[in-house]
Amino acid sequence: MKKNKSLSDSLRKEYTRSDFRKLERGKYYKRITSRSNIVILDPEVYKVFPNSEAVNEALHAIIDVVQKASRRSSGTDKRRKAG
């Protein structure tokens, strides 16, 4: 079994700080968040929907209800205009 080497904050002797570019905090933040589909749920929501399957099932049900409601309301508007 290999022994773990101790980690330290110092650089190796052959490296100097000037060998590295200036570090920039959050350099890729916008790129990562624009391509990410991660959603943070409130704790009370997580208790009801603990996994992605539960969340997707609920969202699909909401989509179905909204689509059916919009079809009904658009049909009602046509009848009102005609009459």
PDB file of N, CA and C in Angstrom:
ATOM      1  N   MET A   1       0.833  -1.171   0.000  1.00  0.00           N
ATOM      2  CA  MET A   1       0.000   0.000   0.000  1.00  0.00           C
ATOM      3  C   MET A   1       0.884   1.243   0.000  1.00  0.00           C
ATOM      4  N   LYS A   2       0.531   2.225  -0.839  1.00  0.00           N
ATOM      5  CA  LYS A   2       1.312   3.446  -0.945  1.00  0.00           C
ATOM      6  C   LYS A   2       0.986   4.391   0.205  1.00  0.00           C
ATOM      7  N   LYS A   3       1.986   5.115   0.644  1.00  0.00           N
ATOM      8  CA  LYS A   3       1.759   6.128   1.662  1.00  0.00           C
ATOM      9  C   LYS A   3       1.343   7.423   0.971  1.00  0.00           C
ATOM     10  N   ASN A   4       0.418   8.111   1.577  1.00  0.00           N
ATOM     11  CA  ASN A   4      -0.005   9.395   1.028  1.00  0.00           C
ATOM     12  C   ASN A   4       1.065  10.439   1.267  1.00  0.00           C
ATOM     13  N   LYS A   5       1.376  11.191   0.230  1.00  0.00           N
ATOM     14  CA  LYS A   5       2.329  12.284   0.395  1.00  0.00           C
ATOM     15  C   LYS A   5       1.615  13.421   1.106  1.00  0.00           C
ATOM     16  N   SER A   6       2.336  14.109   1.927  1.00  0.00           N
ATOM     17  CA  SER A   6       1.712  15.237   2.612  1.00  0.00           C
ATOM     18  C   SER A   6       1.549  16.391   1.633  1.00  0.00           C
ATOM     19  N   LEU A   7       0.396  17.015   1.694  1.00  0.00           N
ATOM     20  CA  LEU A   7       0.107  18.142   0.819  1.00  0.00           C
ATOM     21  C   LEU A   7       0.488  19.430   1.531  1.00  0.00           C
ATOM     22  N   SER A   8       1.054  20.326   0.797  1.00  0.00           N
ATOM     23  CA  SER A   8       1.365  21.620   1.382  1.00  0.00           C
ATOM     24  C   SER A   8       0.949  22.709   0.419  1.00  0.00           C
ATOM     25  N   ASP A   9       0.866  23.926   0.925  1.00  0.00           N
ATOM     26  CA  ASP A   9       0.458  25.053   0.111  1.00  0.00           C
ATOM     27  C   ASP A   9       1.611  25.636  -0.700  1.00  0.00           C
ATOM     28  N   SER A  10       2.788  25.154  -0.480  1.00  0.00           N
ATOM     29  CA  SER A  10       3.928  25.725  -1.190  1.00  0.00           C
ATOM     30  C   SER A  10       4.109  25.051  -2.546  1.00  0.00           C
ATOM     31  N   LEU A  11       4.696  25.788  -3.465  1.00  0.00           N
ATOM     32  CA  LEU A  11       4.966  25.256  -4.799  1.00  0.00           C
ATOM     33  C   LEU A  11       6.219  24.408  -4.780  1.00  0.00           C
ATOM     34  N   ARG A  12       6.334  23.559  -5.774  1.00  0.00           N
ATOM     35  CA  ARG A  12       7.571  22.791  -5.900  1.00  0.00           C
ATOM     36  C   ARG A  12       8.727  23.739  -6.173  1.00  0.00           C
ATOM     37  N   LYS A  13       9.913  23.296  -5.877  1.00  0.00           N
ATOM     38  CA  LYS A  13      11.099  24.141  -6.033  1.00  0.00           C
ATOM     39  C   LYS A  13      11.281  24.611  -7.473  1.00  0.00           C
ATOM     40  N   GLU A  14      10.912  23.773  -8.447  1.00  0.00           N
ATOM     41  CA  GLU A  14      11.143  24.142  -9.848  1.00  0.00           C
ATOM     42  C   GLU A  14      10.128  25.142 -10.391  1.00  0.00           C
ATOM     43  N   TYR A  15       9.076  25.437  -9.634  1.00  0.00           N
ATOM     44  CA  TYR A  15       8.063  26.388 -10.079  1.00  0.00           C
ATOM     45  C   TYR A  15       8.186  27.690  -9.291  1.00  0.00           C
ATOM     46  N   THR A  16       7.865  28.760  -9.987  1.00  0.00           N
ATOM     47  CA  THR A  16       7.745  30.043  -9.302  1.00  0.00           C
ATOM     48  C   THR A  16       6.372  30.607  -9.627  1.00  0.00           C
ATOM     49  N   ARG A  17       5.904  31.504  -8.807  1.00  0.00           N
ATOM     50  CA  ARG A  17       4.577  32.074  -8.996  1.00  0.00           C
ATOM     51  C   ARG A  17       4.470  32.799 -10.334  1.00  0.00           C
ATOM     52  N   SER A  18       5.555  33.348 -10.813  1.00  0.00           N
ATOM     53  CA  SER A  18       5.540  34.084 -12.076  1.00  0.00           C
ATOM     54  C   SER A  18       5.361  33.151 -13.278  1.00  0.00           C
ATOM     55  N   ASP A  19       5.494  31.841 -13.085  1.00  0.00           N
ATOM     56  CA  ASP A  19       5.272  30.886 -14.175  1.00  0.00           C
ATOM     57  C   ASP A  19       3.786  30.755 -14.521  1.00  0.00           C
ATOM     58  N   PHE A  20       2.934  31.207 -13.650  1.00  0.00           N
ATOM     59  CA  PHE A  20       1.491  31.061 -13.839  1.00  0.00           C
ATOM     60  C   PHE A  20       0.863  32.403 -14.171  1.00  0.00           C
ATOM     61  N   ARG A  21      -0.221  32.346 -14.950  1.00  0.00           N
ATOM     62  CA  ARG A  21      -0.964  33.564 -15.264  1.00  0.00           C
ATOM     63  C   ARG A  21      -1.657  34.075 -14.008  1.00  0.00           C
ATOM     64  N   LYS A  22      -2.115  35.307 -14.102  1.00  0.00           N
ATOM     65  CA  LYS A  22      -2.869  35.876 -12.999  1.00  0.00           C
ATOM     66  C   LYS A  22      -4.177  35.098 -12.862  1.00  0.00           C
ATOM     67  N   LEU A  23      -4.493  34.686 -11.660  1.00  0.00           N
ATOM     68  CA  LEU A  23      -5.719  33.938 -11.415  1.00  0.00           C
ATOM     69  C   LEU A  23      -6.904  34.887 -11.383  1.00  0.00           C
ATOM     70  N   GLU A  24      -8.024  34.445 -11.933  1.00  0.00           N
ATOM     71  CA  GLU A  24      -9.222  35.268 -11.992  1.00  0.00           C
ATOM     72  C   GLU A  24     -10.385  34.482 -11.414  1.00  0.00           C
ATOM     73  N   ARG A  25     -10.971  34.992 -10.364  1.00  0.00           N
ATOM     74  CA  ARG A  25     -12.080  34.314  -9.702  1.00  0.00           C
ATOM     75  C   ARG A  25     -13.343  34.442 -10.560  1.00  0.00           C
ATOM     76  N   GLY A  26     -14.035  33.330 -10.777  1.00  0.00           N
ATOM     77  CA  GLY A  26     -15.288  33.338 -11.525  1.00  0.00           C
ATOM     78  C   GLY A  26     -15.114  33.531 -13.020  1.00  0.00           C
ATOM     79  N   LYS A  27     -13.956  33.200 -13.534  1.00  0.00           N
ATOM     80  CA  LYS A  27     -13.651  33.426 -14.955  1.00  0.00           C
ATOM     81  C   LYS A  27     -14.653  32.736 -15.880  1.00  0.00           C
ATOM     82  N   TYR A  28     -15.084  31.537 -15.536  1.00  0.00           N
ATOM     83  CA  TYR A  28     -15.969  30.754 -16.398  1.00  0.00           C
ATOM     84  C   TYR A  28     -17.404  30.694 -15.870  1.00  0.00           C
ATOM     85  N   TYR A  29     -17.742  31.523 -14.896  1.00  0.00           N
ATOM     86  CA  TYR A  29     -19.064  31.472 -14.254  1.00  0.00           C
ATOM     87  C   TYR A  29     -20.207  31.619 -15.255  1.00  0.00           C
ATOM     88  N   LYS A  30     -20.167  32.653 -16.091  1.00  0.00           N
ATOM     89  CA  LYS A  30     -21.263  32.892 -17.034  1.00  0.00           C
ATOM     90  C   LYS A  30     -21.397  31.752 -18.030  1.00  0.00           C
ATOM     91  N   ARG A  31     -20.273  31.237 -18.516  1.00  0.00           N
ATOM     92  CA  ARG A  31     -20.321  30.151 -19.496  1.00  0.00           C
ATOM     93  C   ARG A  31     -20.936  28.890 -18.879  1.00  0.00           C
ATOM     94  N   ILE A  32     -20.547  28.573 -17.674  1.00  0.00           N
ATOM     95  CA  ILE A  32     -21.054  27.363 -17.016  1.00  0.00           C
ATOM     96  C   ILE A  32     -22.540  27.499 -16.702  1.00  0.00           C
ATOM     97  N   THR A  33     -22.950  28.647 -16.167  1.00  0.00           N
ATOM     98  CA  THR A  33     -24.357  28.801 -15.810  1.00  0.00           C
ATOM     99  C   THR A  33     -25.254  28.880 -17.037  1.00  0.00           C
ATOM    100  N   SER A  34     -24.739  29.372 -18.156  1.00  0.00           N
ATOM    101  CA  SER A  34     -25.573  29.434 -19.356  1.00  0.00           C
ATOM    102  C   SER A  34     -25.795  28.057 -19.966  1.00  0.00           C
ATOM    103  N   ARG A  35     -24.892  27.131 -19.726  1.00  0.00           N
ATOM    104  CA  ARG A  35     -25.012  25.777 -20.280  1.00  0.00           C
ATOM    105  C   ARG A  35     -25.524  24.765 -19.273  1.00  0.00           C
ATOM    106  N   SER A  36     -25.806  25.198 -18.092  1.00  0.00           N
ATOM    107  CA  SER A  36     -26.192  24.287 -17.023  1.00  0.00           C
ATOM    108  C   SER A  36     -27.706  24.225 -16.878  1.00  0.00           C
ATOM    109  N   ASN A  37     -28.204  23.090 -16.456  1.00  0.00           N
ATOM    110  CA  ASN A  37     -29.632  22.968 -16.198  1.00  0.00           C
ATOM    111  C   ASN A  37     -29.886  22.585 -14.741  1.00  0.00           C
ATOM    112  N   ILE A  38     -28.982  22.956 -13.882  1.00  0.00           N
ATOM    113  CA  ILE A  38     -29.115  22.659 -12.461  1.00  0.00           C
ATOM    114  C   ILE A  38     -30.078  23.651 -11.831  1.00  0.00           C
ATOM    115  N   VAL A  39     -30.992  23.131 -11.033  1.00  0.00           N
ATOM    116  CA  VAL A  39     -31.982  23.961 -10.346  1.00  0.00           C
ATOM    117  C   VAL A  39     -31.853  23.695  -8.857  1.00  0.00           C
ATOM    118  N   ILE A  40     -31.851  24.749  -8.073  1.00  0.00           N
ATOM    119  CA  ILE A  40     -31.774  24.611  -6.623  1.00  0.00           C
ATOM    120  C   ILE A  40     -33.193  24.696  -6.066  1.00  0.00           C
ATOM    121  N   LEU A  41     -33.593  23.644  -5.366  1.00  0.00           N
ATOM    122  CA  LEU A  41     -34.940  23.590  -4.791  1.00  0.00           C
ATOM    123  C   LEU A  41     -34.916  24.070  -3.348  1.00  0.00           C
ATOM    124  N   ASP A  42     -35.983  24.722  -2.936  1.00  0.00           N
ATOM    125  CA  ASP A  42     -36.144  25.081  -1.533  1.00  0.00           C
ATOM    126  C   ASP A  42     -36.299  23.794  -0.732  1.00  0.00           C
ATOM    127  N   PRO A  43     -35.883  23.796   0.531  1.00  0.00           N
ATOM    128  CA  PRO A  43     -35.975  22.572   1.350  1.00  0.00           C
ATOM    129  C   PRO A  43     -37.381  21.989   1.426  1.00  0.00           C
ATOM    130  N   GLU A  44     -38.407  22.853   1.521  1.00  0.00           N
ATOM    131  CA  GLU A  44     -39.781  22.333   1.623  1.00  0.00           C
ATOM    132  C   GLU A  44     -40.237  21.706   0.303  1.00  0.00           C
ATOM    133  N   VAL A  45     -39.729  22.194  -0.814  1.00  0.00           N
ATOM    134  CA  VAL A  45     -40.052  21.598  -2.117  1.00  0.00           C
ATOM    135  C   VAL A  45     -39.340  20.259  -2.249  1.00  0.00           C
ATOM    136  N   TYR A  46     -38.097  20.206  -1.791  1.00  0.00           N
ATOM    137  CA  TYR A  46     -37.322  18.970  -1.872  1.00  0.00           C
ATOM    138  C   TYR A  46     -37.973  17.838  -1.080  1.00  0.00           C
ATOM    139  N   LYS A  47     -38.628  18.176   0.013  1.00  0.00           N
ATOM    140  CA  LYS A  47     -39.305  17.144   0.815  1.00  0.00           C
ATOM    141  C   LYS A  47     -40.419  16.476   0.018  1.00  0.00           C
ATOM    142  N   VAL A  48     -41.068  17.232  -0.853  1.00  0.00           N
ATOM    143  CA  VAL A  48     -42.170  16.698  -1.653  1.00  0.00           C
ATOM    144  C   VAL A  48     -41.642  16.029  -2.925  1.00  0.00           C
ATOM    145  N   PHE A  49     -40.602  16.606  -3.515  1.00  0.00           N
ATOM    146  CA  PHE A  49     -40.035  16.099  -4.771  1.00  0.00           C
ATOM    147  C   PHE A  49     -38.550  15.783  -4.564  1.00  0.00           C
ATOM    148  N   PRO A  50     -38.219  14.619  -4.023  1.00  0.00           N
ATOM    149  CA  PRO A  50     -36.842  14.320  -3.631  1.00  0.00           C
ATOM    150  C   PRO A  50     -35.890  13.950  -4.768  1.00  0.00           C
ATOM    151  N   ASN A  51     -36.413  13.740  -5.984  1.00  0.00           N
ATOM    152  CA  ASN A  51     -35.513  13.360  -7.077  1.00  0.00           C
ATOM    153  C   ASN A  51     -36.014  13.939  -8.398  1.00  0.00           C
ATOM    154  N   SER A  52     -35.199  13.827  -9.429  1.00  0.00           N
ATOM    155  CA  SER A  52     -35.554  14.422 -10.716  1.00  0.00           C
ATOM    156  C   SER A  52     -36.781  13.760 -11.338  1.00  0.00           C
ATOM    157  N   GLU A  53     -36.977  12.485 -11.091  1.00  0.00           N
ATOM    158  CA  GLU A  53     -38.150  11.790 -11.630  1.00  0.00           C
ATOM    159  C   GLU A  53     -39.438  12.392 -11.074  1.00  0.00           C
ATOM    160  N   ALA A  54     -39.471  12.652  -9.771  1.00  0.00           N
ATOM    161  CA  ALA A  54     -40.657  13.237  -9.137  1.00  0.00           C
ATOM    162  C   ALA A  54     -40.902  14.652  -9.646  1.00  0.00           C
ATOM    163  N   VAL A  55     -39.844  15.420  -9.803  1.00  0.00           N
ATOM    164  CA  VAL A  55     -39.979  16.791 -10.303  1.00  0.00           C
ATOM    165  C   VAL A  55     -40.488  16.777 -11.740  1.00  0.00           C
ATOM    166  N   ASN A  56     -39.906  15.943 -12.586  1.00  0.00           N
ATOM    167  CA  ASN A  56     -40.323  15.865 -13.989  1.00  0.00           C
ATOM    168  C   ASN A  56     -41.776  15.422 -14.117  1.00  0.00           C
ATOM    169  N   GLU A  57     -42.176  14.458 -13.322  1.00  0.00           N
ATOM    170  CA  GLU A  57     -43.559  13.981 -13.362  1.00  0.00           C
ATOM    171  C   GLU A  57     -44.529  15.105 -13.010  1.00  0.00           C
ATOM    172  N   ALA A  58     -44.215  15.872 -11.970  1.00  0.00           N
ATOM    173  CA  ALA A  58     -45.073  16.979 -11.561  1.00  0.00           C
ATOM    174  C   ALA A  58     -45.109  18.069 -12.627  1.00  0.00           C
ATOM    175  N   LEU A  59     -43.969  18.389 -13.198  1.00  0.00           N
ATOM    176  CA  LEU A  59     -43.926  19.428 -14.231  1.00  0.00           C
ATOM    177  C   LEU A  59     -44.683  19.008 -15.487  1.00  0.00           C
ATOM    178  N   HIS A  60     -44.579  17.757 -15.875  1.00  0.00           N
ATOM    179  CA  HIS A  60     -45.330  17.266 -17.034  1.00  0.00           C
ATOM    180  C   HIS A  60     -46.837  17.341 -16.775  1.00  0.00           C
ATOM    181  N   ALA A  61     -47.250  17.043 -15.557  1.00  0.00           N
ATOM    182  CA  ALA A  61     -48.667  17.143 -15.213  1.00  0.00           C
ATOM    183  C   ALA A  61     -49.142  18.592 -15.299  1.00  0.00           C
ATOM    184  N   ILE A  62     -48.326  19.521 -14.818  1.00  0.00           N
ATOM    185  CA  ILE A  62     -48.682  20.939 -14.898  1.00  0.00           C
ATOM    186  C   ILE A  62     -48.762  21.389 -16.351  1.00  0.00           C
ATOM    187  N   ILE A  63     -47.821  20.957 -17.164  1.00  0.00           N
ATOM    188  CA  ILE A  63     -47.826  21.310 -18.595  1.00  0.00           C
ATOM    189  C   ILE A  63     -49.106  20.817 -19.253  1.00  0.00           C
ATOM    190  N   ASP A  64     -49.496  19.578 -18.956  1.00  0.00           N
ATOM    191  CA  ASP A  64     -50.730  19.028 -19.526  1.00  0.00           C
ATOM    192  C   ASP A  64     -51.945  19.864 -19.141  1.00  0.00           C
ATOM    193  N   VAL A  65     -52.034  20.247 -17.872  1.00  0.00           N
ATOM    194  CA  VAL A  65     -53.170  21.040 -17.390  1.00  0.00           C
ATOM    195  C   VAL A  65     -53.189  22.399 -18.082  1.00  0.00           C
ATOM    196  N   VAL A  66     -52.046  23.040 -18.190  1.00  0.00           N
ATOM    197  CA  VAL A  66     -51.979  24.361 -18.821  1.00  0.00           C
ATOM    198  C   VAL A  66     -52.361  24.273 -20.293  1.00  0.00           C
ATOM    199  N   GLN A  67     -51.867  23.262 -20.989  1.00  0.00           N
ATOM    200  CA  GLN A  67     -52.198  23.115 -22.406  1.00  0.00           C
ATOM    201  C   GLN A  67     -53.679  22.840 -22.609  1.00  0.00           C
ATOM    202  N   LYS A  68     -54.270  21.994 -21.774  1.00  0.00           N
ATOM    203  CA  LYS A  68     -55.712  21.711 -21.888  1.00  0.00           C
ATOM    204  C   LYS A  68     -56.531  22.956 -21.576  1.00  0.00           C
ATOM    205  N   ALA A  69     -56.107  23.711 -20.578  1.00  0.00           N
ATOM    206  CA  ALA A  69     -56.833  24.929 -20.212  1.00  0.00           C
ATOM    207  C   ALA A  69     -56.734  25.973 -21.316  1.00  0.00           C
ATOM    208  N   SER A  70     -55.592  26.079 -21.953  1.00  0.00           N
ATOM    209  CA  SER A  70     -55.449  27.077 -23.019  1.00  0.00           C
ATOM    210  C   SER A  70     -56.257  26.676 -24.253  1.00  0.00           C
ATOM    211  N   ARG A  71     -56.381  25.385 -24.523  1.00  0.00           N
ATOM    212  CA  ARG A  71     -57.211  24.926 -25.646  1.00  0.00           C
ATOM    213  C   ARG A  71     -58.681  25.235 -25.388  1.00  0.00           C
ATOM    214  N   ARG A  72     -59.119  25.012 -24.160  1.00  0.00           N
ATOM    215  CA  ARG A  72     -60.511  25.283 -23.806  1.00  0.00           C
ATOM    216  C   ARG A  72     -60.810  26.772 -23.886  1.00  0.00           C
ATOM    217  N   SER A  73     -59.920  27.595 -23.368  1.00  0.00           N
ATOM    218  CA  SER A  73     -60.184  29.036 -23.361  1.00  0.00           C
ATOM    219  C   SER A  73     -60.141  29.611 -24.764  1.00  0.00           C
ATOM    220  N   SER A  74     -59.283  29.085 -25.620  1.00  0.00           N
ATOM    221  CA  SER A  74     -59.245  29.594 -26.992  1.00  0.00           C
ATOM    222  C   SER A  74     -60.497  29.167 -27.761  1.00  0.00           C
ATOM    223  N   GLY A  75     -61.038  28.020 -27.477  1.00  0.00           N
ATOM    224  CA  GLY A  75     -62.276  27.566 -28.101  1.00  0.00           C
ATOM    225  C   GLY A  75     -63.460  28.372 -27.617  1.00  0.00           C
ATOM    226  N   THR A  76     -63.477  28.759 -26.358  1.00  0.00           N
ATOM    227  CA  THR A  76     -64.551  29.568 -25.795  1.00  0.00           C
ATOM    228  C   THR A  76     -64.559  30.953 -26.426  1.00  0.00           C
ATOM    229  N   ASP A  77     -63.381  31.534 -26.647  1.00  0.00           N
ATOM    230  CA  ASP A  77     -63.283  32.862 -27.250  1.00  0.00           C
ATOM    231  C   ASP A  77     -63.849  32.857 -28.664  1.00  0.00           C
ATOM    232  N   LYS A  78     -63.612  31.809 -29.424  1.00  0.00           N
ATOM    233  CA  LYS A  78     -64.106  31.737 -30.791  1.00  0.00           C
ATOM    234  C   LYS A  78     -65.635  31.700 -30.801  1.00  0.00           C
ATOM    235  N   ARG A  79     -66.229  30.969 -29.871  1.00  0.00           N
ATOM    236  CA  ARG A  79     -67.692  30.865 -29.815  1.00  0.00           C
ATOM    237  C   ARG A  79     -68.320  32.209 -29.425  1.00  0.00           C
ATOM    238  N   ARG A  80     -67.667  32.927 -28.514  1.00  0.00           N
ATOM    239  CA  ARG A  80     -68.191  34.209 -28.072  1.00  0.00           C
ATOM    240  C   ARG A  80     -68.176  35.223 -29.212  1.00  0.00           C
ATOM    241  N   LYS A  81     -67.098  35.240 -29.994  1.00  0.00           N
ATOM    242  CA  LYS A  81     -66.958  36.179 -31.106  1.00  0.00           C
ATOM    243  C   LYS A  81     -67.974  35.882 -32.202  1.00  0.00           C
ATOM    244  N   ALA A  82     -68.249  34.598 -32.420  1.00  0.00           N
ATOM    245  CA  ALA A  82     -69.178  34.208 -33.476  1.00  0.00           C
ATOM    246  C   ALA A  82     -70.616  34.544 -33.103  1.00  0.00           C
ATOM    247  N   GLY A  83     -70.934  34.506 -31.821  1.00  0.00           N
ATOM    248  CA  GLY A  83     -72.313  34.681 -31.381  1.00  0.00           C
ATOM    249  C   GLY A  83     -72.710  36.051 -31.133  1.00  0.00           C
TER     250      GLY A  83
END
